[in-house]
Amino acid sequence: MKRTALFLLLYFVTFIIFISCNPSIVFDQPQPQGVRNEKNFPKKLIGHYFCTQNHSTLFITHDKIIKKSLVELNVLKSELDSMREYKLFKDTLIDILTQKRFKVEYRNDTIVFFDQITDTLFMLSDENILRKWKGYYFLNEQSKNGWIVRKLEYKRGGKLILASIVSPDELENLKEVMDIEKIKADDGETIGYRVRPSKLQLKRFIRNKGFSDFEEYQRE
């Protein structure tokens, strides 16, 4: 495995993580409809938060949300021995070019190490709209087929809940409260779903445990 192969592995894992955060259910307009856009995140949300579920960290500033996650990578020791760009010394893997060091674990013939991935989840712009409604903050991100919507909830004690919509688990939930339009590719294959909820329908969807994929964070 060459340097490029190791980097490609890292990028592949990163790609899977980021893609898995993007639901195939989108909205036709930013949510909720008829609510004004917020110019920035309020002071009470600004800060650092830690997630015990996946050991990731969330950083909220006045205009963006940044997530830092640890990604587990592994490589066979036999492959690593042939890679001149890396040096293994006891429990440390050294990238000779960048001098970056990784603490490693040995699992039989496999070397396991972790790297940190930084992703800007949301940055206020014309394509990333923040709205507040009923005590929730809605992160609206424009995509090719519609608006991806996530729900942010802040609770007393510094608890933060970041929630998304997951397909197909929530399709039946959505069908109970609103009409769903199939998004099809040129070959006719269904590649996603688009919804057009009223405020009442959105409220019912949330009450029916919509936005079921969530991560809980605690202010540090």
N, C-alpha and C. Protein backbone atom coordinates (compact mmCIF):
# COMPACT_ATOMS: atom_id res chain seq x y z
N MET A 1 0.84 -1.19 0.00
CA MET A 1 0.00 0.00 0.00
C MET A 1 0.88 1.25 0.00
N LYS A 2 0.74 2.09 -0.99
CA LYS A 2 1.53 3.29 -1.11
C LYS A 2 0.87 4.44 -0.35
N ARG A 3 1.62 5.56 -0.25
CA ARG A 3 1.08 6.72 0.45
C ARG A 3 -0.28 7.11 -0.11
N THR A 4 -0.38 7.16 -1.45
CA THR A 4 -1.65 7.56 -2.05
C THR A 4 -2.77 6.61 -1.67
N ALA A 5 -2.45 5.32 -1.56
CA ALA A 5 -3.47 4.35 -1.21
C ALA A 5 -3.96 4.57 0.21
N LEU A 6 -3.04 4.87 1.12
CA LEU A 6 -3.44 5.13 2.49
C LEU A 6 -4.30 6.38 2.58
N PHE A 7 -3.91 7.42 1.85
CA PHE A 7 -4.71 8.65 1.84
C PHE A 7 -6.07 8.40 1.23
N LEU A 8 -6.10 7.60 0.16
CA LEU A 8 -7.39 7.30 -0.45
C LEU A 8 -8.30 6.56 0.52
N LEU A 9 -7.71 5.70 1.34
CA LEU A 9 -8.50 5.00 2.35
C LEU A 9 -9.09 6.00 3.32
N LEU A 10 -8.27 6.94 3.76
CA LEU A 10 -8.75 7.96 4.69
C LEU A 10 -9.86 8.79 4.06
N TYR A 11 -9.66 9.22 2.81
CA TYR A 11 -10.68 10.02 2.14
C TYR A 11 -11.96 9.23 1.93
N PHE A 12 -11.81 7.91 1.64
CA PHE A 12 -12.99 7.09 1.43
C PHE A 12 -13.82 7.00 2.70
N VAL A 13 -13.15 6.77 3.83
CA VAL A 13 -13.86 6.70 5.10
C VAL A 13 -14.53 8.02 5.40
N THR A 14 -13.80 9.12 5.15
CA THR A 14 -14.36 10.45 5.36
C THR A 14 -15.59 10.66 4.50
N PHE A 15 -15.49 10.26 3.23
CA PHE A 15 -16.60 10.42 2.30
C PHE A 15 -17.84 9.68 2.78
N ILE A 16 -17.65 8.45 3.27
CA ILE A 16 -18.77 7.66 3.75
C ILE A 16 -19.43 8.32 4.94
N ILE A 17 -18.61 8.87 5.85
CA ILE A 17 -19.15 9.54 7.03
C ILE A 17 -19.99 10.73 6.62
N PHE A 18 -19.46 11.56 5.71
CA PHE A 18 -20.15 12.78 5.34
C PHE A 18 -21.40 12.47 4.53
N ILE A 19 -21.32 11.47 3.63
CA ILE A 19 -22.50 11.12 2.84
C ILE A 19 -23.61 10.58 3.73
N SER A 20 -23.22 9.80 4.76
CA SER A 20 -24.23 9.20 5.62
C SER A 20 -25.01 10.27 6.39
N CYS A 21 -24.44 11.49 6.47
CA CYS A 21 -25.13 12.57 7.18
C CYS A 21 -26.15 13.26 6.29
N ASN A 22 -26.14 12.98 5.00
CA ASN A 22 -27.03 13.65 4.06
C ASN A 22 -28.24 12.78 3.76
N PRO A 23 -29.42 13.10 4.29
CA PRO A 23 -30.59 12.26 4.06
C PRO A 23 -31.09 12.38 2.63
N SER A 24 -31.78 11.32 2.17
CA SER A 24 -32.35 11.35 0.82
C SER A 24 -33.72 11.99 0.82
N ILE A 25 -34.17 12.47 1.97
CA ILE A 25 -35.43 13.19 2.06
C ILE A 25 -35.12 14.68 2.13
N VAL A 26 -35.66 15.44 1.19
CA VAL A 26 -35.41 16.88 1.14
C VAL A 26 -36.73 17.63 1.14
N PHE A 27 -36.65 18.93 1.42
CA PHE A 27 -37.83 19.80 1.45
C PHE A 27 -37.78 20.74 0.26
N ASP A 28 -38.96 21.15 -0.20
CA ASP A 28 -39.01 22.02 -1.37
C ASP A 28 -38.58 23.44 -1.05
N GLN A 29 -38.69 23.84 0.23
CA GLN A 29 -38.33 25.18 0.67
C GLN A 29 -37.65 25.10 2.03
N PRO A 30 -36.90 26.15 2.41
CA PRO A 30 -36.34 26.18 3.77
C PRO A 30 -37.46 26.09 4.80
N GLN A 31 -37.16 25.44 5.91
CA GLN A 31 -38.17 25.20 6.95
C GLN A 31 -37.88 25.99 8.22
N PRO A 32 -38.94 26.34 8.94
CA PRO A 32 -40.35 26.27 8.55
C PRO A 32 -40.69 27.40 7.57
N GLN A 33 -41.74 27.21 6.80
CA GLN A 33 -42.14 28.24 5.85
C GLN A 33 -42.70 29.46 6.60
N GLY A 34 -42.45 30.64 6.04
CA GLY A 34 -43.00 31.86 6.60
C GLY A 34 -42.28 32.36 7.83
N VAL A 35 -41.10 31.81 8.13
CA VAL A 35 -40.31 32.23 9.29
C VAL A 35 -39.08 32.97 8.79
N ARG A 36 -38.74 34.07 9.43
CA ARG A 36 -37.61 34.87 8.96
C ARG A 36 -36.28 34.15 9.19
N ASN A 37 -35.29 34.49 8.39
CA ASN A 37 -33.95 33.91 8.52
C ASN A 37 -33.20 34.59 9.67
N GLU A 38 -32.45 33.81 10.41
CA GLU A 38 -31.60 34.35 11.46
C GLU A 38 -30.26 34.77 10.84
N LYS A 39 -29.73 35.89 11.33
CA LYS A 39 -28.47 36.41 10.80
C LYS A 39 -27.26 35.70 11.38
N ASN A 40 -27.39 35.12 12.56
CA ASN A 40 -26.29 34.41 13.19
C ASN A 40 -26.82 33.50 14.30
N PHE A 41 -25.94 32.67 14.83
CA PHE A 41 -26.31 31.84 15.96
C PHE A 41 -26.31 32.69 17.23
N PRO A 42 -27.26 32.47 18.13
CA PRO A 42 -27.32 33.28 19.35
C PRO A 42 -26.14 32.97 20.28
N LYS A 43 -25.86 33.92 21.16
CA LYS A 43 -24.70 33.77 22.06
C LYS A 43 -24.80 32.52 22.92
N LYS A 44 -26.03 32.15 23.31
CA LYS A 44 -26.17 31.01 24.20
C LYS A 44 -25.75 29.69 23.54
N LEU A 45 -25.72 29.65 22.21
CA LEU A 45 -25.31 28.43 21.51
C LEU A 45 -23.81 28.39 21.23
N ILE A 46 -23.18 29.52 21.19
CA ILE A 46 -21.76 29.59 20.82
C ILE A 46 -20.91 28.90 21.88
N GLY A 47 -20.04 28.00 21.41
CA GLY A 47 -19.17 27.28 22.34
C GLY A 47 -18.76 25.93 21.80
N HIS A 48 -18.15 25.12 22.67
CA HIS A 48 -17.66 23.79 22.33
C HIS A 48 -18.53 22.74 23.01
N TYR A 49 -18.83 21.66 22.27
CA TYR A 49 -19.66 20.59 22.80
C TYR A 49 -19.02 19.24 22.49
N PHE A 50 -19.20 18.30 23.41
CA PHE A 50 -18.61 16.97 23.24
C PHE A 50 -19.70 15.91 23.20
N CYS A 51 -19.55 14.94 22.30
CA CYS A 51 -20.52 13.85 22.15
C CYS A 51 -19.91 12.56 22.69
N THR A 52 -20.51 12.00 23.74
CA THR A 52 -19.99 10.76 24.31
C THR A 52 -20.34 9.55 23.44
N GLN A 53 -21.30 9.70 22.52
CA GLN A 53 -21.69 8.59 21.66
C GLN A 53 -20.57 8.20 20.70
N ASN A 54 -19.94 9.20 20.11
CA ASN A 54 -18.92 8.91 19.10
C ASN A 54 -17.63 9.70 19.31
N HIS A 55 -17.51 10.34 20.47
CA HIS A 55 -16.29 11.08 20.83
C HIS A 55 -15.95 12.19 19.83
N SER A 56 -16.97 12.77 19.25
CA SER A 56 -16.76 13.90 18.34
C SER A 56 -16.99 15.20 19.09
N THR A 57 -16.48 16.28 18.53
CA THR A 57 -16.59 17.60 19.14
C THR A 57 -17.27 18.54 18.17
N LEU A 58 -18.18 19.35 18.68
CA LEU A 58 -18.90 20.32 17.88
C LEU A 58 -18.48 21.72 18.32
N PHE A 59 -18.14 22.56 17.35
CA PHE A 59 -17.76 23.95 17.63
C PHE A 59 -18.77 24.86 16.95
N ILE A 60 -19.45 25.69 17.72
CA ILE A 60 -20.41 26.63 17.15
C ILE A 60 -19.89 28.05 17.34
N THR A 61 -19.79 28.77 16.23
CA THR A 61 -19.41 30.17 16.26
C THR A 61 -20.63 31.00 15.88
N HIS A 62 -20.46 32.28 15.64
CA HIS A 62 -21.62 33.13 15.31
C HIS A 62 -22.21 32.79 13.94
N ASP A 63 -21.41 32.12 13.06
CA ASP A 63 -21.92 31.87 11.71
C ASP A 63 -21.69 30.46 11.17
N LYS A 64 -21.16 29.55 12.00
CA LYS A 64 -20.89 28.22 11.47
C LYS A 64 -20.89 27.16 12.56
N ILE A 65 -21.01 25.90 12.11
CA ILE A 65 -20.89 24.73 12.98
C ILE A 65 -19.81 23.84 12.40
N ILE A 66 -18.80 23.53 13.19
CA ILE A 66 -17.69 22.68 12.76
C ILE A 66 -17.68 21.43 13.62
N LYS A 67 -17.51 20.29 12.97
CA LYS A 67 -17.47 19.02 13.69
C LYS A 67 -16.11 18.36 13.48
N LYS A 68 -15.53 17.89 14.58
CA LYS A 68 -14.28 17.15 14.53
C LYS A 68 -14.55 15.74 15.03
N SER A 69 -14.21 14.75 14.19
CA SER A 69 -14.49 13.36 14.52
C SER A 69 -13.23 12.52 14.43
N LEU A 70 -13.14 11.50 15.26
CA LEU A 70 -12.05 10.54 15.17
C LEU A 70 -12.46 9.40 14.26
N VAL A 71 -11.59 9.07 13.30
CA VAL A 71 -11.85 8.00 12.35
C VAL A 71 -10.84 6.89 12.56
N GLU A 72 -11.33 5.68 12.69
CA GLU A 72 -10.43 4.52 12.86
C GLU A 72 -9.96 4.02 11.50
N LEU A 73 -8.66 3.86 11.36
CA LEU A 73 -8.05 3.32 10.13
C LEU A 73 -7.20 2.11 10.49
N ASN A 74 -7.01 1.23 9.54
CA ASN A 74 -6.16 0.07 9.80
C ASN A 74 -5.42 -0.36 8.55
N VAL A 75 -4.28 -0.98 8.76
CA VAL A 75 -3.44 -1.44 7.67
C VAL A 75 -2.70 -2.68 8.14
N LEU A 76 -2.50 -3.64 7.24
CA LEU A 76 -1.75 -4.84 7.59
C LEU A 76 -0.29 -4.48 7.82
N LYS A 77 0.33 -5.08 8.81
CA LYS A 77 1.72 -4.77 9.11
C LYS A 77 2.62 -5.12 7.93
N SER A 78 2.28 -6.19 7.22
CA SER A 78 3.07 -6.59 6.07
C SER A 78 3.05 -5.53 4.97
N GLU A 79 1.92 -4.83 4.83
CA GLU A 79 1.81 -3.77 3.84
C GLU A 79 2.56 -2.53 4.30
N LEU A 80 2.46 -2.25 5.59
CA LEU A 80 3.13 -1.06 6.12
C LEU A 80 4.64 -1.19 6.02
N ASP A 81 5.17 -2.40 6.15
CA ASP A 81 6.61 -2.61 6.06
C ASP A 81 7.17 -2.20 4.71
N SER A 82 6.35 -2.22 3.67
CA SER A 82 6.82 -1.87 2.33
C SER A 82 6.60 -0.40 1.98
N MET A 83 6.08 0.35 2.92
CA MET A 83 5.79 1.77 2.68
C MET A 83 6.91 2.63 3.25
N ARG A 84 7.74 3.14 2.38
CA ARG A 84 8.89 3.93 2.82
C ARG A 84 8.49 5.30 3.37
N GLU A 85 7.30 5.76 3.03
CA GLU A 85 6.86 7.08 3.47
C GLU A 85 6.47 7.10 4.95
N TYR A 86 6.35 5.91 5.55
CA TYR A 86 5.93 5.81 6.94
C TYR A 86 6.92 4.99 7.75
N LYS A 87 7.07 5.36 9.00
CA LYS A 87 7.97 4.65 9.89
C LYS A 87 7.21 4.27 11.15
N LEU A 88 7.32 3.01 11.51
CA LEU A 88 6.66 2.52 12.70
C LEU A 88 7.69 2.32 13.80
N PHE A 89 7.48 3.00 14.92
CA PHE A 89 8.40 2.88 16.04
C PHE A 89 7.59 2.58 17.30
N LYS A 90 7.67 1.33 17.73
CA LYS A 90 6.91 0.84 18.88
C LYS A 90 5.42 1.11 18.69
N ASP A 91 4.84 2.04 19.45
CA ASP A 91 3.40 2.28 19.37
C ASP A 91 3.07 3.56 18.60
N THR A 92 4.00 4.03 17.77
CA THR A 92 3.81 5.28 17.04
C THR A 92 4.09 5.10 15.55
N LEU A 93 3.14 5.58 14.74
CA LEU A 93 3.32 5.60 13.28
C LEU A 93 3.66 7.03 12.88
N ILE A 94 4.76 7.19 12.14
CA ILE A 94 5.23 8.52 11.78
C ILE A 94 5.14 8.71 10.28
N ASP A 95 4.48 9.78 9.86
CA ASP A 95 4.47 10.20 8.46
C ASP A 95 5.75 11.00 8.24
N ILE A 96 6.68 10.44 7.49
CA ILE A 96 8.00 11.05 7.34
C ILE A 96 7.93 12.42 6.68
N LEU A 97 7.01 12.59 5.73
CA LEU A 97 6.91 13.85 5.01
C LEU A 97 6.38 14.97 5.90
N THR A 98 5.30 14.71 6.62
CA THR A 98 4.66 15.75 7.43
C THR A 98 5.07 15.71 8.90
N GLN A 99 5.71 14.62 9.29
CA GLN A 99 6.09 14.40 10.68
C GLN A 99 4.88 14.24 11.60
N LYS A 100 3.74 13.96 11.02
CA LYS A 100 2.55 13.71 11.82
C LYS A 100 2.67 12.34 12.48
N ARG A 101 2.27 12.25 13.73
CA ARG A 101 2.41 11.02 14.50
C ARG A 101 1.04 10.47 14.90
N PHE A 102 0.92 9.14 14.79
CA PHE A 102 -0.32 8.47 15.16
C PHE A 102 -0.01 7.39 16.18
N LYS A 103 -0.73 7.37 17.29
CA LYS A 103 -0.63 6.27 18.23
C LYS A 103 -1.35 5.06 17.64
N VAL A 104 -0.70 3.91 17.71
CA VAL A 104 -1.26 2.72 17.06
C VAL A 104 -1.58 1.64 18.09
N GLU A 105 -2.49 0.75 17.68
CA GLU A 105 -2.80 -0.44 18.45
C GLU A 105 -2.53 -1.64 17.55
N TYR A 106 -2.11 -2.75 18.15
CA TYR A 106 -1.84 -3.97 17.39
C TYR A 106 -2.98 -4.96 17.62
N ARG A 107 -3.61 -5.36 16.53
CA ARG A 107 -4.67 -6.37 16.59
C ARG A 107 -4.28 -7.49 15.66
N ASN A 108 -3.65 -8.51 16.22
CA ASN A 108 -3.10 -9.62 15.44
C ASN A 108 -2.10 -9.07 14.41
N ASP A 109 -2.36 -9.25 13.13
CA ASP A 109 -1.44 -8.78 12.10
C ASP A 109 -1.84 -7.41 11.54
N THR A 110 -2.77 -6.74 12.23
CA THR A 110 -3.27 -5.45 11.75
C THR A 110 -2.86 -4.33 12.70
N ILE A 111 -2.48 -3.20 12.11
CA ILE A 111 -2.14 -2.01 12.88
C ILE A 111 -3.32 -1.05 12.78
N VAL A 112 -3.82 -0.62 13.91
CA VAL A 112 -4.98 0.27 13.96
C VAL A 112 -4.55 1.62 14.52
N PHE A 113 -4.99 2.69 13.86
CA PHE A 113 -4.69 4.03 14.35
C PHE A 113 -5.87 4.94 14.05
N PHE A 114 -5.84 6.13 14.62
CA PHE A 114 -6.96 7.05 14.49
C PHE A 114 -6.48 8.39 13.94
N ASP A 115 -7.33 9.00 13.13
CA ASP A 115 -7.04 10.34 12.64
C ASP A 115 -8.27 11.20 12.83
N GLN A 116 -8.05 12.48 12.94
CA GLN A 116 -9.15 13.42 13.18
C GLN A 116 -9.61 14.05 11.88
N ILE A 117 -10.91 14.02 11.65
CA ILE A 117 -11.52 14.60 10.45
C ILE A 117 -12.28 15.85 10.86
N THR A 118 -12.01 16.95 10.17
CA THR A 118 -12.71 18.20 10.44
C THR A 118 -13.67 18.51 9.30
N ASP A 119 -14.92 18.77 9.64
CA ASP A 119 -15.95 19.04 8.63
C ASP A 119 -16.77 20.26 9.05
N THR A 120 -16.96 21.18 8.13
CA THR A 120 -17.86 22.30 8.38
C THR A 120 -19.28 21.83 8.06
N LEU A 121 -20.06 21.57 9.10
CA LEU A 121 -21.42 21.06 8.91
C LEU A 121 -22.35 22.12 8.35
N PHE A 122 -22.12 23.37 8.75
CA PHE A 122 -23.06 24.42 8.37
C PHE A 122 -22.37 25.77 8.46
N MET A 123 -22.56 26.59 7.42
CA MET A 123 -22.04 27.96 7.43
C MET A 123 -23.08 28.88 6.83
N LEU A 124 -23.49 29.86 7.58
CA LEU A 124 -24.55 30.76 7.12
C LEU A 124 -24.21 31.40 5.79
N SER A 125 -25.16 31.32 4.85
CA SER A 125 -25.00 31.89 3.52
C SER A 125 -26.37 31.85 2.84
N ASP A 126 -26.40 32.22 1.55
CA ASP A 126 -27.66 32.13 0.82
C ASP A 126 -28.11 30.68 0.64
N GLU A 127 -27.17 29.75 0.68
CA GLU A 127 -27.48 28.33 0.51
C GLU A 127 -27.57 27.59 1.83
N ASN A 128 -27.26 28.28 2.92
CA ASN A 128 -27.34 27.67 4.26
C ASN A 128 -28.09 28.63 5.17
N ILE A 129 -29.36 28.32 5.40
CA ILE A 129 -30.26 29.25 6.08
C ILE A 129 -30.63 28.73 7.46
N LEU A 130 -30.55 29.62 8.44
CA LEU A 130 -30.90 29.28 9.81
C LEU A 130 -32.23 29.93 10.17
N ARG A 131 -33.14 29.13 10.73
CA ARG A 131 -34.42 29.65 11.19
C ARG A 131 -34.74 29.10 12.58
N LYS A 132 -35.45 29.90 13.37
CA LYS A 132 -35.83 29.50 14.72
C LYS A 132 -37.35 29.45 14.80
N TRP A 133 -37.84 28.37 15.44
CA TRP A 133 -39.29 28.19 15.52
C TRP A 133 -39.62 27.17 16.62
N LYS A 134 -40.55 27.53 17.49
CA LYS A 134 -41.03 26.63 18.54
C LYS A 134 -39.89 26.11 19.42
N GLY A 135 -38.87 26.95 19.64
CA GLY A 135 -37.76 26.54 20.50
C GLY A 135 -36.68 25.74 19.81
N TYR A 136 -36.86 25.46 18.51
CA TYR A 136 -35.88 24.71 17.74
C TYR A 136 -35.16 25.64 16.76
N TYR A 137 -33.95 25.25 16.40
CA TYR A 137 -33.22 25.92 15.33
C TYR A 137 -33.15 24.94 14.15
N PHE A 138 -33.51 25.44 12.96
CA PHE A 138 -33.53 24.59 11.78
C PHE A 138 -32.39 25.00 10.85
N LEU A 139 -31.54 24.02 10.53
CA LEU A 139 -30.42 24.24 9.63
C LEU A 139 -30.84 23.79 8.24
N ASN A 140 -31.01 24.74 7.34
CA ASN A 140 -31.46 24.46 5.97
C ASN A 140 -30.29 24.57 5.01
N GLU A 141 -29.97 23.46 4.36
CA GLU A 141 -28.85 23.43 3.42
C GLU A 141 -29.36 23.09 2.02
N GLN A 142 -29.12 23.97 1.08
CA GLN A 142 -29.62 23.76 -0.28
C GLN A 142 -28.80 22.70 -1.01
N SER A 143 -29.49 21.76 -1.63
CA SER A 143 -28.84 20.72 -2.43
C SER A 143 -29.43 20.74 -3.84
N LYS A 144 -29.02 19.82 -4.65
CA LYS A 144 -29.47 19.79 -6.05
C LYS A 144 -30.97 19.59 -6.17
N ASN A 145 -31.54 18.75 -5.32
CA ASN A 145 -32.94 18.38 -5.45
C ASN A 145 -33.87 19.06 -4.45
N GLY A 146 -33.31 19.86 -3.55
CA GLY A 146 -34.14 20.51 -2.55
C GLY A 146 -33.32 20.94 -1.36
N TRP A 147 -33.98 21.10 -0.23
CA TRP A 147 -33.32 21.58 0.98
C TRP A 147 -33.18 20.46 1.99
N ILE A 148 -31.96 20.17 2.42
CA ILE A 148 -31.70 19.24 3.51
C ILE A 148 -31.91 20.00 4.81
N VAL A 149 -32.69 19.45 5.70
CA VAL A 149 -33.04 20.15 6.93
C VAL A 149 -32.62 19.33 8.15
N ARG A 150 -31.92 19.98 9.07
CA ARG A 150 -31.58 19.38 10.35
C ARG A 150 -32.14 20.25 11.48
N LYS A 151 -32.35 19.63 12.60
CA LYS A 151 -32.97 20.32 13.74
C LYS A 151 -31.97 20.38 14.89
N LEU A 152 -31.80 21.58 15.43
CA LEU A 152 -30.89 21.79 16.54
C LEU A 152 -31.69 22.24 17.75
N GLU A 153 -31.49 21.56 18.87
CA GLU A 153 -32.23 21.88 20.10
C GLU A 153 -31.26 22.10 21.24
N TYR A 154 -31.42 23.21 21.93
CA TYR A 154 -30.58 23.52 23.08
C TYR A 154 -31.40 23.41 24.35
N LYS A 155 -30.87 22.67 25.33
CA LYS A 155 -31.58 22.48 26.59
C LYS A 155 -30.77 23.03 27.75
N ARG A 156 -31.43 23.23 28.85
CA ARG A 156 -30.77 23.75 30.03
C ARG A 156 -29.63 22.82 30.45
N GLY A 157 -28.58 23.41 30.99
CA GLY A 157 -27.44 22.63 31.42
C GLY A 157 -26.41 22.44 30.33
N GLY A 158 -26.63 23.10 29.18
CA GLY A 158 -25.66 23.03 28.09
C GLY A 158 -25.78 21.81 27.21
N LYS A 159 -26.95 21.14 27.23
CA LYS A 159 -27.16 19.98 26.38
C LYS A 159 -27.62 20.41 25.00
N LEU A 160 -27.02 19.83 23.97
CA LEU A 160 -27.34 20.19 22.59
C LEU A 160 -27.68 18.92 21.82
N ILE A 161 -28.78 18.95 21.07
CA ILE A 161 -29.19 17.79 20.28
C ILE A 161 -29.24 18.19 18.81
N LEU A 162 -28.46 17.53 18.00
CA LEU A 162 -28.43 17.75 16.55
C LEU A 162 -29.11 16.57 15.88
N ALA A 163 -30.23 16.82 15.20
CA ALA A 163 -31.05 15.74 14.66
C ALA A 163 -31.27 15.87 13.16
N SER A 164 -31.33 14.71 12.49
CA SER A 164 -31.54 14.66 11.04
C SER A 164 -32.69 13.72 10.73
N ILE A 165 -33.10 13.72 9.47
CA ILE A 165 -34.12 12.80 8.99
C ILE A 165 -33.44 11.66 8.25
N VAL A 166 -33.81 10.44 8.60
CA VAL A 166 -33.18 9.26 8.00
C VAL A 166 -34.19 8.53 7.13
N SER A 167 -33.81 8.19 5.94
CA SER A 167 -34.65 7.39 5.05
C SER A 167 -34.05 5.99 4.97
N PRO A 168 -34.89 4.92 4.91
CA PRO A 168 -36.35 4.94 4.75
C PRO A 168 -37.13 4.87 6.05
N ASP A 169 -36.46 4.89 7.19
CA ASP A 169 -37.12 4.67 8.47
C ASP A 169 -38.25 5.66 8.73
N GLU A 170 -38.10 6.89 8.26
CA GLU A 170 -39.08 7.92 8.59
C GLU A 170 -40.10 8.17 7.48
N LEU A 171 -40.02 7.39 6.41
CA LEU A 171 -40.95 7.60 5.30
C LEU A 171 -42.40 7.41 5.73
N GLU A 172 -42.65 6.34 6.47
CA GLU A 172 -44.02 6.08 6.90
C GLU A 172 -44.52 7.19 7.82
N ASN A 173 -43.62 7.69 8.66
CA ASN A 173 -43.96 8.80 9.54
C ASN A 173 -44.34 10.02 8.72
N LEU A 174 -43.57 10.29 7.69
CA LEU A 174 -43.85 11.44 6.83
C LEU A 174 -45.17 11.27 6.08
N LYS A 175 -45.43 10.06 5.60
CA LYS A 175 -46.64 9.81 4.83
C LYS A 175 -47.90 10.04 5.66
N GLU A 176 -47.78 9.89 6.96
CA GLU A 176 -48.94 10.07 7.83
C GLU A 176 -49.37 11.52 7.93
N VAL A 177 -48.45 12.45 7.67
CA VAL A 177 -48.77 13.86 7.90
C VAL A 177 -48.64 14.74 6.66
N MET A 178 -48.07 14.23 5.57
CA MET A 178 -47.90 15.08 4.40
C MET A 178 -47.69 14.25 3.14
N ASP A 179 -47.85 14.90 2.00
CA ASP A 179 -47.64 14.24 0.72
C ASP A 179 -46.15 14.15 0.41
N ILE A 180 -45.76 13.07 -0.24
CA ILE A 180 -44.35 12.86 -0.58
C ILE A 180 -44.21 12.69 -2.08
N GLU A 181 -43.26 13.42 -2.65
CA GLU A 181 -42.98 13.32 -4.08
C GLU A 181 -41.69 12.54 -4.30
N LYS A 182 -41.73 11.56 -5.18
CA LYS A 182 -40.52 10.80 -5.49
C LYS A 182 -39.60 11.62 -6.40
N ILE A 183 -38.31 11.58 -6.12
CA ILE A 183 -37.31 12.21 -6.98
C ILE A 183 -36.67 11.09 -7.81
N LYS A 184 -36.76 11.21 -9.12
CA LYS A 184 -36.28 10.14 -9.98
C LYS A 184 -35.12 10.59 -10.86
N ALA A 185 -34.22 9.67 -11.12
CA ALA A 185 -33.11 9.91 -12.03
C ALA A 185 -33.60 9.80 -13.47
N ASP A 186 -32.73 10.08 -14.42
CA ASP A 186 -33.11 10.03 -15.83
C ASP A 186 -33.58 8.64 -16.26
N ASP A 187 -33.06 7.60 -15.59
CA ASP A 187 -33.45 6.24 -15.95
C ASP A 187 -34.71 5.78 -15.23
N GLY A 188 -35.32 6.69 -14.47
CA GLY A 188 -36.56 6.36 -13.77
C GLY A 188 -36.38 5.82 -12.37
N GLU A 189 -35.15 5.62 -11.95
CA GLU A 189 -34.90 5.09 -10.61
C GLU A 189 -35.17 6.16 -9.55
N THR A 190 -35.81 5.76 -8.46
CA THR A 190 -36.08 6.69 -7.36
C THR A 190 -34.80 6.92 -6.57
N ILE A 191 -34.39 8.16 -6.49
CA ILE A 191 -33.14 8.48 -5.79
C ILE A 191 -33.36 9.31 -4.53
N GLY A 192 -34.62 9.64 -4.25
CA GLY A 192 -34.91 10.41 -3.05
C GLY A 192 -36.37 10.80 -2.99
N TYR A 193 -36.69 11.62 -2.00
CA TYR A 193 -38.07 12.04 -1.78
C TYR A 193 -38.08 13.52 -1.42
N ARG A 194 -39.13 14.21 -1.88
CA ARG A 194 -39.27 15.64 -1.61
C ARG A 194 -40.61 15.89 -0.93
N VAL A 195 -40.60 16.72 0.13
CA VAL A 195 -41.83 16.99 0.87
C VAL A 195 -42.09 18.48 0.92
N ARG A 196 -43.37 18.85 1.09
CA ARG A 196 -43.80 20.25 1.14
C ARG A 196 -44.73 20.44 2.34
N PRO A 197 -44.21 20.45 3.55
CA PRO A 197 -45.09 20.53 4.72
C PRO A 197 -45.54 21.95 5.04
N SER A 198 -46.73 22.05 5.57
CA SER A 198 -47.16 23.30 6.19
C SER A 198 -46.56 23.34 7.59
N LYS A 199 -46.71 24.46 8.30
CA LYS A 199 -46.20 24.54 9.67
C LYS A 199 -46.87 23.48 10.54
N LEU A 200 -48.19 23.30 10.37
CA LEU A 200 -48.92 22.32 11.16
C LEU A 200 -48.40 20.92 10.89
N GLN A 201 -48.15 20.60 9.61
CA GLN A 201 -47.65 19.27 9.27
C GLN A 201 -46.24 19.05 9.82
N LEU A 202 -45.41 20.09 9.76
CA LEU A 202 -44.07 19.98 10.31
C LEU A 202 -44.13 19.75 11.82
N LYS A 203 -45.02 20.45 12.49
CA LYS A 203 -45.20 20.29 13.93
C LYS A 203 -45.64 18.87 14.26
N ARG A 204 -46.56 18.33 13.48
CA ARG A 204 -47.04 16.96 13.70
C ARG A 204 -45.92 15.95 13.46
N PHE A 205 -45.13 16.21 12.46
CA PHE A 205 -44.01 15.31 12.14
C PHE A 205 -43.00 15.26 13.30
N ILE A 206 -42.70 16.42 13.86
CA ILE A 206 -41.77 16.47 15.00
C ILE A 206 -42.36 15.74 16.20
N ARG A 207 -43.67 15.94 16.44
CA ARG A 207 -44.33 15.27 17.56
C ARG A 207 -44.35 13.76 17.37
N ASN A 208 -44.38 13.30 16.12
CA ASN A 208 -44.38 11.87 15.81
C ASN A 208 -42.97 11.30 15.80
N LYS A 209 -42.06 11.96 16.50
CA LYS A 209 -40.67 11.53 16.61
C LYS A 209 -39.93 11.61 15.29
N GLY A 210 -40.26 12.65 14.51
CA GLY A 210 -39.47 12.91 13.32
C GLY A 210 -38.08 13.39 13.71
N PHE A 211 -37.19 13.48 12.74
CA PHE A 211 -35.78 13.82 12.99
C PHE A 211 -35.22 12.82 14.02
N SER A 212 -35.35 11.54 13.70
CA SER A 212 -35.03 10.49 14.67
C SER A 212 -33.55 10.17 14.78
N ASP A 213 -32.76 10.57 13.78
CA ASP A 213 -31.32 10.32 13.85
C ASP A 213 -30.65 11.50 14.55
N PHE A 214 -30.17 11.29 15.76
CA PHE A 214 -29.66 12.44 16.51
C PHE A 214 -28.39 12.10 17.27
N GLU A 215 -27.64 13.15 17.55
CA GLU A 215 -26.45 13.07 18.39
C GLU A 215 -26.63 14.05 19.55
N GLU A 216 -26.28 13.61 20.73
CA GLU A 216 -26.38 14.46 21.91
C GLU A 216 -25.00 14.96 22.31
N TYR A 217 -24.91 16.27 22.52
CA TYR A 217 -23.66 16.91 22.90
C TYR A 217 -23.84 17.63 24.23
N GLN A 218 -22.73 17.76 24.95
CA GLN A 218 -22.73 18.50 26.20
C GLN A 218 -21.69 19.60 26.13
N ARG A 219 -22.06 20.79 26.55
CA ARG A 219 -21.12 21.90 26.52
C ARG A 219 -19.90 21.58 27.39
N GLU A 220 -18.73 21.85 26.87
CA GLU A 220 -17.49 21.60 27.61
C GLU A 220 -17.14 22.78 28.50
